[in-house]
Amino acid sequence: MPIPGPIVHQQLMVAYTRLHDELASNRTTILQSGDQRAELDQDRSDALIRLAKHYLPELTSESIDNTWSEVRDAMMQILRHKEDQVSQTKLRLDDLMEQRTDHEQQLTDVNTDLDEAMQEHQAAITQVEDTLRSDSKFVELSDRAALAEAALERAEANLAEIDQDAARKLPAYESSALFHYLYKRNFGSGKYKYRGMTRHADRWLARLVDFQRAKKSYEFLRRTPEHMREIIAQDRDAFETVMGELERRRDQIANSVGLVTAADRCEKLDSEREHLLQNLNELLVATESLQQDWNAMEDPQGPFYREAIDRFREVLSGMNIGDLKRRAKKTREVTDDQIVATLLGVESDIEQLNRQARKRSSVAQDDYHFLEDLGRLIQRFRAAEFDSSRSQFVDSFELNDELQIAREHLKVDRLWKRLRKAQRWTSMVGSPFKRGSTDALSQILPNAMARAAGDSLSEQARRAGMRRVAQEDSAK
């Protein structure tokens, strides 16, 4: 059986939450590595302190204690700052995740309500259309509207043809000097006033240019379009009268079955859904920003680490392992050799721990980027309304397998293509929902008129309804 869109949506959200928790667990492991690094750093610091005391016996204990106390305080201050920032970031991230979970649940509820409301809306549309089809007055008006539409279409087509003809031919008349001369003198009409040779010459010119025929054509081209526009205006007035009566009858039936209320509910729920999607997008951006901050703070080469290293280097700038080892060999005691050997071992352990930390950090970065991409995919999924109960996925589609492949290869775009390929829409009777109760009523009129009119007038009735809808849309 096909997999409902809400189920796939829920699976995606579960996968996102599971990956987020896994990433948080990995961060804990990385933090534990940080604790081990801190212990090794402390061992190295202790070795350096013991070595400094061995090489500097003339310094007072108070001076040495004061020097290393200052370093420790600086390191602890940086560490406390980091821990405070990490703690605050975690709290904010947890709060955002709670908000996302809450908004996603609200979205699921709104989707369910919207699907139900759309079904009620569609049922109301069907009931209105059925009622209008059986209404004798509406049937009569639909036939009249169809006839009016057919007359309008013929008149508009004729007007378009004559307009084109006039645009093509009138310039030739108006550019003819002889025709223009005779026409301005009102030749051939009761207003012509000339006598004698002038009249004789004008008659000769009129025969030369066939003025009477040309005048009829010229005046036909000038006056007919305007006359046709007047007739079309009258036809449109009659059309508007019929359509107004049709709409009033439609509105009466629509109100009686609660169509407007159903459409308003759909619009309200659709607006709520859009608002939730916008909030989820904003939460996604905020979450990604905090996760980036968290990653930066936990990066072994991040800002807190660099600050601590800079402070420590100020103290150890003149001390390196090579110098310490060479100096140890010059002394007879073995104590300093043992301390340097311990320091070398600590350095080796630190390097090994750093390699492990870099590997874990690389994996965590990949998981983090995949989490970001998966979050965006979920937003695209919702924006496409794939989470609606009108959406289904083929039963052969295995989301968990596809998620695993996408994560292993870091190819979320491939997962999106697979989702789109597997997605199907369930069939719905009638037109899809449009926002606004007026749109809901507009959807009904062409269909109801086409069903109500006689078979020979059905298509003209539909076009009459569509003309009315187009007029209303252009007026908005």
Protein backbone atom coordinates (compact mmCIF):
# COMPACT_ATOMS: atom_id res chain seq x y z
CA MET A 1 0.00 0.00 0.00
CA PRO A 2 1.19 3.60 -0.62
CA ILE A 3 2.91 5.30 2.31
CA PRO A 4 1.01 8.44 3.48
CA GLY A 5 2.92 11.73 3.32
CA PRO A 6 2.47 12.44 7.08
CA ILE A 7 4.17 9.10 7.90
CA VAL A 8 7.20 9.92 5.73
CA HIS A 9 7.28 13.40 7.28
CA GLN A 10 7.27 11.87 10.77
CA GLN A 11 10.07 9.48 9.78
CA LEU A 12 12.16 12.40 8.55
CA MET A 13 11.64 14.30 11.81
CA VAL A 14 12.56 11.19 13.84
CA ALA A 15 15.72 10.76 11.75
CA TYR A 16 16.62 14.41 12.29
CA THR A 17 16.10 14.17 16.06
CA ARG A 18 18.03 10.88 16.26
CA LEU A 19 20.96 12.36 14.32
CA HIS A 20 20.91 15.47 16.51
CA ASP A 21 21.06 13.31 19.64
CA GLU A 22 23.84 11.21 18.14
CA LEU A 23 25.80 14.34 17.32
CA ALA A 24 25.33 15.57 20.90
CA SER A 25 26.60 12.20 22.16
CA ASN A 26 29.64 12.46 19.91
CA ARG A 27 30.26 15.92 21.26
CA THR A 28 30.28 14.44 24.75
CA THR A 29 32.96 11.98 23.63
CA ILE A 30 34.95 14.85 22.15
CA LEU A 31 34.58 16.74 25.42
CA GLN A 32 35.86 13.70 27.30
CA SER A 33 38.87 13.70 24.98
CA GLY A 34 39.25 17.33 25.92
CA ASP A 35 39.31 16.31 29.58
CA GLN A 36 42.05 13.76 28.81
CA ARG A 37 43.93 16.49 26.98
CA ALA A 38 43.56 18.73 30.00
CA GLU A 39 45.02 16.00 32.21
CA LEU A 40 47.97 15.56 29.86
CA ASP A 41 48.45 19.32 29.70
CA GLN A 42 48.48 19.33 33.49
CA ASP A 43 51.07 16.52 33.50
CA ARG A 44 53.19 18.50 31.08
CA SER A 45 52.77 21.62 33.16
CA ASP A 46 53.75 19.71 36.33
CA ALA A 47 56.82 18.28 34.58
CA LEU A 48 57.84 21.73 33.43
CA ILE A 49 57.38 23.05 36.96
CA ARG A 50 59.51 20.24 38.45
CA LEU A 51 62.13 20.81 35.78
CA ALA A 52 62.16 24.55 36.38
CA LYS A 53 62.64 24.00 40.12
CA HIS A 54 65.47 21.57 39.40
CA TYR A 55 67.25 24.00 37.08
CA LEU A 56 66.55 27.10 39.06
CA PRO A 57 67.41 26.26 42.69
CA GLU A 58 68.40 29.84 43.43
CA LEU A 59 64.91 31.14 42.84
CA THR A 60 62.65 31.33 45.83
CA SER A 61 59.71 29.02 46.10
CA GLU A 62 57.52 32.05 46.52
CA SER A 63 58.70 33.50 43.16
CA ILE A 64 58.14 30.20 41.31
CA ASP A 65 54.78 29.64 42.95
CA ASN A 66 53.73 33.15 42.03
CA THR A 67 54.81 32.68 38.39
CA TRP A 68 53.01 29.36 37.82
CA SER A 69 50.00 30.45 39.84
CA GLU A 70 49.57 33.31 37.40
CA VAL A 71 49.66 30.90 34.46
CA ARG A 72 47.21 28.52 36.09
CA ASP A 73 44.78 31.33 36.84
CA ALA A 74 44.93 32.46 33.22
CA MET A 75 44.30 28.94 31.96
CA MET A 76 41.45 28.39 34.40
CA GLN A 77 39.91 31.71 33.45
CA ILE A 78 39.90 30.73 29.77
CA LEU A 79 38.52 27.28 30.59
CA ARG A 80 35.75 28.70 32.78
CA HIS A 81 34.86 31.15 30.02
CA LYS A 82 34.67 28.32 27.49
CA GLU A 83 32.60 26.09 29.77
CA ASP A 84 30.23 28.99 30.47
CA GLN A 85 29.80 29.70 26.76
CA VAL A 86 29.31 26.01 25.94
CA SER A 87 26.75 25.69 28.73
CA GLN A 88 24.81 28.74 27.59
CA THR A 89 24.92 27.59 23.96
CA LYS A 90 23.68 24.13 24.94
CA LEU A 91 20.80 25.63 26.89
CA ARG A 92 19.81 27.85 23.98
CA LEU A 93 20.13 24.94 21.54
CA ASP A 94 18.01 22.69 23.76
CA ASP A 95 15.41 25.45 23.96
CA LEU A 96 15.38 25.80 20.17
CA MET A 97 15.03 22.03 19.75
CA GLU A 98 12.07 22.07 22.14
CA GLN A 99 10.51 24.90 20.15
CA ARG A 100 11.08 22.99 16.90
CA THR A 101 9.51 19.87 18.36
CA ASP A 102 6.54 21.92 19.55
CA HIS A 103 6.15 23.69 16.19
CA GLU A 104 6.47 20.41 14.29
CA GLN A 105 3.71 18.90 16.41
CA GLN A 106 1.58 21.98 15.78
CA LEU A 107 2.31 21.63 12.06
CA THR A 108 1.23 17.98 12.13
CA ASP A 109 -2.02 18.98 13.87
CA VAL A 110 -2.65 21.84 11.45
CA ASN A 111 -1.98 19.56 8.47
CA THR A 112 -4.53 17.09 9.80
CA ASP A 113 -7.09 19.85 10.38
CA LEU A 114 -6.38 21.38 6.96
CA ASP A 115 -6.86 18.06 5.19
CA GLU A 116 -10.16 17.61 7.00
CA ALA A 117 -11.22 21.19 6.22
CA MET A 118 -10.33 20.76 2.54
CA GLN A 119 -12.45 17.62 2.37
CA GLU A 120 -15.36 19.51 3.93
CA HIS A 121 -14.73 22.39 1.53
CA GLN A 122 -14.73 20.06 -1.46
CA ALA A 123 -17.88 18.32 -0.23
CA ALA A 124 -19.61 21.71 0.12
CA ILE A 125 -18.54 22.66 -3.43
CA THR A 126 -19.96 19.40 -4.78
CA GLN A 127 -23.21 19.94 -2.86
CA VAL A 128 -23.56 23.49 -4.19
CA GLU A 129 -22.91 22.38 -7.77
CA ASP A 130 -25.39 19.50 -7.49
CA THR A 131 -28.04 21.79 -6.02
CA LEU A 132 -27.54 24.43 -8.70
CA ARG A 133 -27.70 21.81 -11.44
CA SER A 134 -31.16 20.78 -10.28
CA ASP A 135 -32.35 24.39 -9.83
CA SER A 136 -34.64 25.29 -12.77
CA LYS A 137 -33.99 29.03 -12.45
CA PHE A 138 -30.23 28.52 -12.46
CA VAL A 139 -30.55 26.23 -15.50
CA GLU A 140 -32.54 28.89 -17.37
CA LEU A 141 -30.03 31.60 -16.44
CA SER A 142 -27.10 29.38 -17.47
CA ASP A 143 -28.63 28.91 -20.93
CA ARG A 144 -29.13 32.66 -21.25
CA ALA A 145 -25.55 33.31 -20.14
CA ALA A 146 -24.27 30.77 -22.67
CA LEU A 147 -26.15 32.49 -25.49
CA ALA A 148 -24.91 35.88 -24.32
CA GLU A 149 -21.35 34.55 -24.19
CA ALA A 150 -21.61 33.16 -27.72
CA ALA A 151 -22.93 36.52 -28.98
CA LEU A 152 -20.15 38.38 -27.20
CA GLU A 153 -17.48 36.08 -28.59
CA ARG A 154 -18.75 36.57 -32.14
CA ALA A 155 -18.96 40.34 -31.71
CA GLU A 156 -15.51 40.55 -30.16
CA ALA A 157 -14.04 38.42 -32.93
CA ASN A 158 -15.70 40.64 -35.57
CA LEU A 159 -14.46 43.77 -33.81
CA ALA A 160 -10.93 42.41 -33.69
CA GLU A 161 -11.12 41.64 -37.41
CA ILE A 162 -12.47 45.07 -38.37
CA ASP A 163 -9.93 46.80 -36.11
CA GLN A 164 -7.14 44.98 -37.91
CA ASP A 165 -8.67 45.84 -41.27
CA ALA A 166 -8.96 49.52 -40.31
CA ALA A 167 -5.42 49.64 -38.99
CA ARG A 168 -4.20 48.18 -42.27
CA LYS A 169 -6.31 50.28 -44.72
CA LEU A 170 -7.04 53.68 -43.13
CA PRO A 171 -3.45 54.99 -43.47
CA ALA A 172 -3.72 54.60 -47.27
CA TYR A 173 -6.85 56.80 -47.39
CA GLU A 174 -5.42 59.39 -45.03
CA SER A 175 -2.17 59.58 -46.95
CA SER A 176 -3.94 60.08 -50.31
CA ALA A 177 -3.78 63.81 -51.11
CA LEU A 178 -6.59 63.71 -53.68
CA PHE A 179 -8.98 61.72 -51.50
CA HIS A 180 -8.16 63.88 -48.50
CA TYR A 181 -8.73 67.05 -50.57
CA LEU A 182 -12.21 65.94 -51.71
CA TYR A 183 -13.22 64.57 -48.32
CA LYS A 184 -12.34 67.82 -46.53
CA ARG A 185 -14.45 69.77 -49.06
CA ASN A 186 -17.43 67.44 -48.28
CA PHE A 187 -17.66 66.42 -51.92
CA GLY A 188 -20.74 64.34 -52.69
CA SER A 189 -22.67 65.57 -49.67
CA GLY A 190 -25.19 68.35 -49.07
CA LYS A 191 -22.43 70.38 -47.44
CA TYR A 192 -20.48 70.75 -50.69
CA LYS A 193 -20.71 74.48 -51.68
CA TYR A 194 -18.57 74.91 -54.78
CA ARG A 195 -19.87 75.80 -58.31
CA GLY A 196 -18.62 76.23 -61.84
CA MET A 197 -15.15 75.13 -62.87
CA THR A 198 -14.30 74.12 -59.34
CA ARG A 199 -17.26 71.72 -59.20
CA HIS A 200 -16.32 70.41 -62.66
CA ALA A 201 -12.71 69.84 -61.65
CA ASP A 202 -13.74 68.14 -58.40
CA ARG A 203 -16.06 65.80 -60.31
CA TRP A 204 -13.21 64.88 -62.63
CA LEU A 205 -10.95 64.16 -59.63
CA ALA A 206 -13.73 62.12 -57.96
CA ARG A 207 -14.06 59.90 -61.04
CA LEU A 208 -10.29 59.58 -61.18
CA VAL A 209 -9.97 58.25 -57.63
CA ASP A 210 -13.40 56.53 -57.53
CA PHE A 211 -14.22 58.82 -54.61
CA GLN A 212 -17.75 57.58 -53.82
CA ARG A 213 -16.63 53.99 -53.38
CA ALA A 214 -13.53 55.07 -51.45
CA LYS A 215 -15.62 57.34 -49.21
CA LYS A 216 -17.99 54.52 -48.30
CA SER A 217 -15.09 52.24 -47.44
CA TYR A 218 -13.31 54.98 -45.49
CA GLU A 219 -16.36 55.87 -43.42
CA PHE A 220 -17.15 52.20 -42.86
CA LEU A 221 -13.63 51.62 -41.53
CA ARG A 222 -13.85 54.71 -39.29
CA ARG A 223 -17.35 54.32 -37.91
CA THR A 224 -18.01 50.59 -37.80
CA PRO A 225 -15.56 49.72 -35.00
CA GLU A 226 -17.05 52.38 -32.71
CA HIS A 227 -20.58 51.27 -33.55
CA MET A 228 -19.59 47.67 -32.84
CA ARG A 229 -18.08 48.72 -29.50
CA GLU A 230 -21.42 50.30 -28.57
CA ILE A 231 -23.24 47.08 -29.45
CA ILE A 232 -20.68 45.01 -27.51
CA ALA A 233 -21.11 47.32 -24.51
CA GLN A 234 -24.86 46.69 -24.62
CA ASP A 235 -24.26 42.94 -24.96
CA ARG A 236 -21.93 43.09 -21.98
CA ASP A 237 -24.52 44.92 -19.91
CA ALA A 238 -26.99 42.15 -20.69
CA PHE A 239 -24.32 39.55 -19.90
CA GLU A 240 -23.53 41.23 -16.57
CA THR A 241 -27.21 41.28 -15.65
CA VAL A 242 -27.56 37.53 -16.22
CA MET A 243 -24.29 36.76 -14.44
CA GLY A 244 -25.32 38.89 -11.49
CA GLU A 245 -28.51 36.85 -11.13
CA LEU A 246 -26.51 33.61 -11.42
CA GLU A 247 -24.11 34.73 -8.73
CA ARG A 248 -26.91 35.73 -6.37
CA ARG A 249 -28.48 32.30 -6.76
CA ARG A 250 -25.11 30.64 -6.26
CA ASP A 251 -24.43 32.71 -3.14
CA GLN A 252 -27.78 31.75 -1.63
CA ILE A 253 -27.05 28.05 -2.05
CA ALA A 254 -23.44 28.44 -0.94
CA ASN A 255 -24.49 30.16 2.29
CA SER A 256 -27.14 27.56 2.98
CA VAL A 257 -24.63 24.68 2.86
CA GLY A 258 -21.85 26.53 4.70
CA LEU A 259 -19.38 26.79 1.82
CA VAL A 260 -18.11 30.23 2.81
CA THR A 261 -17.51 29.04 6.37
CA ALA A 262 -15.63 25.99 5.07
CA ALA A 263 -13.51 28.14 2.74
CA ASP A 264 -12.72 30.60 5.54
CA ARG A 265 -11.63 27.70 7.75
CA CYS A 266 -9.34 26.40 5.00
CA GLU A 267 -7.87 29.86 4.55
CA LYS A 268 -7.30 30.29 8.28
CA LEU A 269 -5.62 26.89 8.61
CA ASP A 270 -3.53 27.49 5.49
CA SER A 271 -2.35 30.81 6.97
CA GLU A 272 -1.50 29.04 10.23
CA ARG A 273 0.49 26.48 8.27
CA GLU A 274 2.42 29.18 6.41
CA HIS A 275 3.13 30.94 9.71
CA LEU A 276 4.40 27.70 11.28
CA LEU A 277 6.61 26.99 8.26
CA GLN A 278 8.07 30.49 8.52
CA ASN A 279 8.75 30.00 12.24
CA LEU A 280 10.33 26.59 11.57
CA ASN A 281 12.59 28.16 8.95
CA GLU A 282 13.66 30.83 11.43
CA LEU A 283 14.28 28.18 14.10
CA LEU A 284 16.34 26.17 11.61
CA VAL A 285 18.54 29.19 10.87
CA ALA A 286 18.95 29.94 14.59
CA THR A 287 19.74 26.28 15.34
CA GLU A 288 22.36 26.12 12.59
CA SER A 289 23.96 29.31 13.87
CA LEU A 290 24.19 27.95 17.43
CA GLN A 291 25.51 24.62 16.20
CA GLN A 292 28.22 26.46 14.28
CA ASP A 293 29.12 28.39 17.43
CA TRP A 294 29.22 25.14 19.41
CA ASN A 295 31.43 23.48 16.83
CA ALA A 296 33.79 26.45 16.88
CA MET A 297 34.04 26.34 20.69
CA GLU A 298 34.72 22.60 20.72
CA ASP A 299 37.16 22.69 17.82
CA PRO A 300 40.59 21.53 19.11
CA GLN A 301 42.04 24.41 17.10
CA GLY A 302 39.23 26.81 18.01
CA PRO A 303 39.38 30.29 19.55
CA PHE A 304 39.58 29.19 23.22
CA TYR A 305 42.36 26.74 22.44
CA ARG A 306 44.32 29.40 20.54
CA GLU A 307 43.90 31.89 23.36
CA ALA A 308 45.19 29.37 25.92
CA ILE A 309 48.13 28.41 23.71
CA ASP A 310 49.06 32.06 23.19
CA ARG A 311 49.11 32.64 26.95
CA PHE A 312 51.11 29.48 27.59
CA ARG A 313 53.61 30.26 24.88
CA GLU A 314 54.32 33.58 26.54
CA VAL A 315 55.57 31.63 29.57
CA LEU A 316 57.29 28.78 27.69
CA SER A 317 58.69 30.84 24.81
CA GLY A 318 62.29 30.03 25.83
CA MET A 319 61.64 26.37 26.63
CA ASN A 320 61.57 23.60 23.99
CA ILE A 321 62.07 19.88 24.32
CA GLY A 322 65.33 19.85 22.35
CA ASP A 323 66.92 22.43 24.60
CA LEU A 324 65.69 20.69 27.70
CA LYS A 325 66.97 17.30 26.50
CA ARG A 326 70.44 18.66 25.62
CA ARG A 327 70.73 20.43 28.94
CA ALA A 328 69.70 17.29 30.79
CA LYS A 329 72.48 15.30 29.11
CA LYS A 330 75.08 17.78 30.33
CA THR A 331 74.28 17.17 34.00
CA ARG A 332 75.35 14.24 36.11
CA GLU A 333 71.98 13.80 37.80
CA VAL A 334 69.36 11.59 36.23
CA THR A 335 66.42 13.49 37.71
CA ASP A 336 66.22 15.99 34.88
CA ASP A 337 66.64 13.21 32.30
CA GLN A 338 63.68 11.40 33.89
CA ILE A 339 61.59 14.56 33.86
CA VAL A 340 62.41 15.23 30.19
CA ALA A 341 61.63 11.56 29.35
CA THR A 342 58.29 11.96 31.10
CA LEU A 343 57.69 15.18 29.17
CA LEU A 344 58.52 13.41 25.89
CA GLY A 345 56.04 10.64 26.77
CA VAL A 346 53.39 13.22 27.56
CA GLU A 347 54.06 14.96 24.23
CA SER A 348 53.69 11.61 22.42
CA ASP A 349 50.39 10.93 24.22
CA ILE A 350 49.16 14.41 23.37
CA GLU A 351 49.98 13.92 19.68
CA GLN A 352 48.14 10.59 19.61
CA LEU A 353 45.16 12.15 21.39
CA ASN A 354 45.23 15.03 18.89
CA ARG A 355 45.08 12.58 15.97
CA GLN A 356 42.08 10.84 17.54
CA ALA A 357 40.43 14.19 18.25
CA ARG A 358 40.95 15.35 14.66
CA LYS A 359 39.40 12.13 13.37
CA ARG A 360 36.40 12.45 15.69
CA SER A 361 36.08 16.12 14.82
CA SER A 362 36.08 15.28 11.09
CA VAL A 363 33.28 12.74 11.61
CA ALA A 364 31.36 15.22 13.74
CA GLN A 365 31.73 17.90 11.06
CA ASP A 366 30.36 15.53 8.40
CA ASP A 367 27.43 14.64 10.68
CA TYR A 368 26.83 18.31 11.40
CA HIS A 369 26.73 19.25 7.71
CA PHE A 370 24.43 16.31 7.00
CA LEU A 371 22.17 17.44 9.87
CA GLU A 372 22.01 20.93 8.35
CA ASP A 373 21.20 19.56 4.89
CA LEU A 374 18.59 17.19 6.32
CA GLY A 375 16.92 20.10 8.12
CA ARG A 376 16.72 22.02 4.85
CA LEU A 377 15.35 18.95 3.07
CA ILE A 378 12.56 18.69 5.68
CA GLN A 379 11.71 22.34 5.04
CA ARG A 380 11.56 21.69 1.28
CA PHE A 381 9.41 18.62 1.98
CA ARG A 382 6.92 20.77 3.89
CA ALA A 383 7.02 23.64 1.41
CA ALA A 384 6.10 21.19 -1.35
CA GLU A 385 3.19 19.99 0.86
CA PHE A 386 4.51 16.44 0.72
CA ASP A 387 3.52 16.17 4.41
CA SER A 388 -0.18 16.49 3.49
CA SER A 389 -2.46 13.47 3.63
CA ARG A 390 -3.13 14.16 -0.06
CA SER A 391 0.49 13.16 -0.64
CA GLN A 392 1.60 9.53 -0.86
CA PHE A 393 4.79 7.61 -1.56
CA VAL A 394 5.14 4.33 -3.41
CA ASP A 395 5.25 1.34 -1.08
CA SER A 396 8.66 0.25 -2.45
CA PHE A 397 10.27 3.43 -1.11
CA GLU A 398 12.51 2.64 1.90
CA LEU A 399 13.25 5.95 3.60
CA ASN A 400 15.63 4.53 6.24
CA ASP A 401 17.78 2.89 3.55
CA GLU A 402 17.82 6.10 1.54
CA LEU A 403 18.77 8.11 4.63
CA GLN A 404 21.65 5.73 5.35
CA ILE A 405 22.96 6.04 1.78
CA ALA A 406 22.62 9.83 1.87
CA ARG A 407 24.50 10.02 5.17
CA GLU A 408 27.31 7.71 4.06
CA HIS A 409 27.87 9.68 0.86
CA LEU A 410 26.76 13.10 2.17
CA LYS A 411 24.33 13.43 -0.74
CA VAL A 412 21.07 14.90 0.53
CA ASP A 413 20.22 16.16 -2.97
CA ARG A 414 20.07 12.53 -4.11
CA LEU A 415 17.65 11.78 -1.26
CA TRP A 416 15.44 14.71 -2.34
CA LYS A 417 15.36 13.43 -5.92
CA ARG A 418 14.43 9.97 -4.66
CA LEU A 419 11.65 11.45 -2.52
CA ARG A 420 10.24 13.42 -5.44
CA LYS A 421 10.39 10.39 -7.70
CA ALA A 422 8.52 8.25 -5.17
CA GLN A 423 5.87 10.87 -4.35
CA ARG A 424 2.33 10.78 -5.74
CA TRP A 425 -0.77 12.93 -5.26
CA THR A 426 -4.14 11.38 -4.48
CA SER A 427 -6.88 12.35 -6.89
CA MET A 428 -9.40 14.96 -5.72
CA VAL A 429 -12.76 15.82 -7.26
CA GLY A 430 -13.09 19.38 -8.58
CA SER A 431 -10.59 22.20 -8.48
CA PRO A 432 -7.85 22.58 -5.83
CA PHE A 433 -8.42 24.90 -2.90
CA LYS A 434 -7.67 28.58 -3.41
CA ARG A 435 -7.42 31.11 -0.61
CA GLY A 436 -10.40 33.29 0.19
CA SER A 437 -14.11 32.59 0.37
CA THR A 438 -14.67 34.65 -2.81
CA ASP A 439 -12.27 32.36 -4.65
CA ALA A 440 -14.17 29.36 -3.34
CA LEU A 441 -17.38 30.73 -4.83
CA SER A 442 -15.63 31.66 -8.09
CA GLN A 443 -14.48 28.07 -8.52
CA ILE A 444 -18.06 26.85 -8.44
CA LEU A 445 -19.66 29.11 -11.04
CA PRO A 446 -18.09 27.85 -14.32
CA ASN A 447 -18.53 24.17 -13.40
CA ALA A 448 -22.09 24.61 -12.14
CA MET A 449 -23.13 26.61 -15.23
CA ALA A 450 -21.58 24.03 -17.58
CA ARG A 451 -23.43 21.21 -15.80
CA ALA A 452 -26.72 23.12 -15.66
CA ALA A 453 -26.84 24.37 -19.28
CA GLY A 454 -28.05 22.21 -22.13
CA ASP A 455 -25.60 19.94 -23.88
CA SER A 456 -25.27 22.24 -26.88
CA LEU A 457 -24.62 25.25 -24.63
CA SER A 458 -22.46 23.60 -21.98
CA GLU A 459 -19.10 24.85 -23.26
CA GLN A 460 -20.36 28.39 -23.86
CA ALA A 461 -21.81 28.43 -20.33
CA ARG A 462 -18.43 27.37 -18.92
CA ARG A 463 -16.69 30.12 -20.86
CA ALA A 464 -19.23 32.64 -19.60
CA GLY A 465 -18.41 31.62 -16.04
CA MET A 466 -14.66 31.85 -16.72
CA ARG A 467 -15.15 35.32 -18.23
CA ARG A 468 -16.82 36.41 -14.99
CA VAL A 469 -14.00 34.92 -12.87
CA ALA A 470 -11.40 36.69 -15.01
CA GLN A 471 -13.25 39.99 -14.55
CA GLU A 472 -13.27 39.54 -10.78
CA ASP A 473 -9.57 38.62 -10.73
CA SER A 474 -8.59 41.69 -12.76
CA ALA A 475 -10.64 43.92 -10.45
CA LYS A 476 -8.70 42.76 -7.34
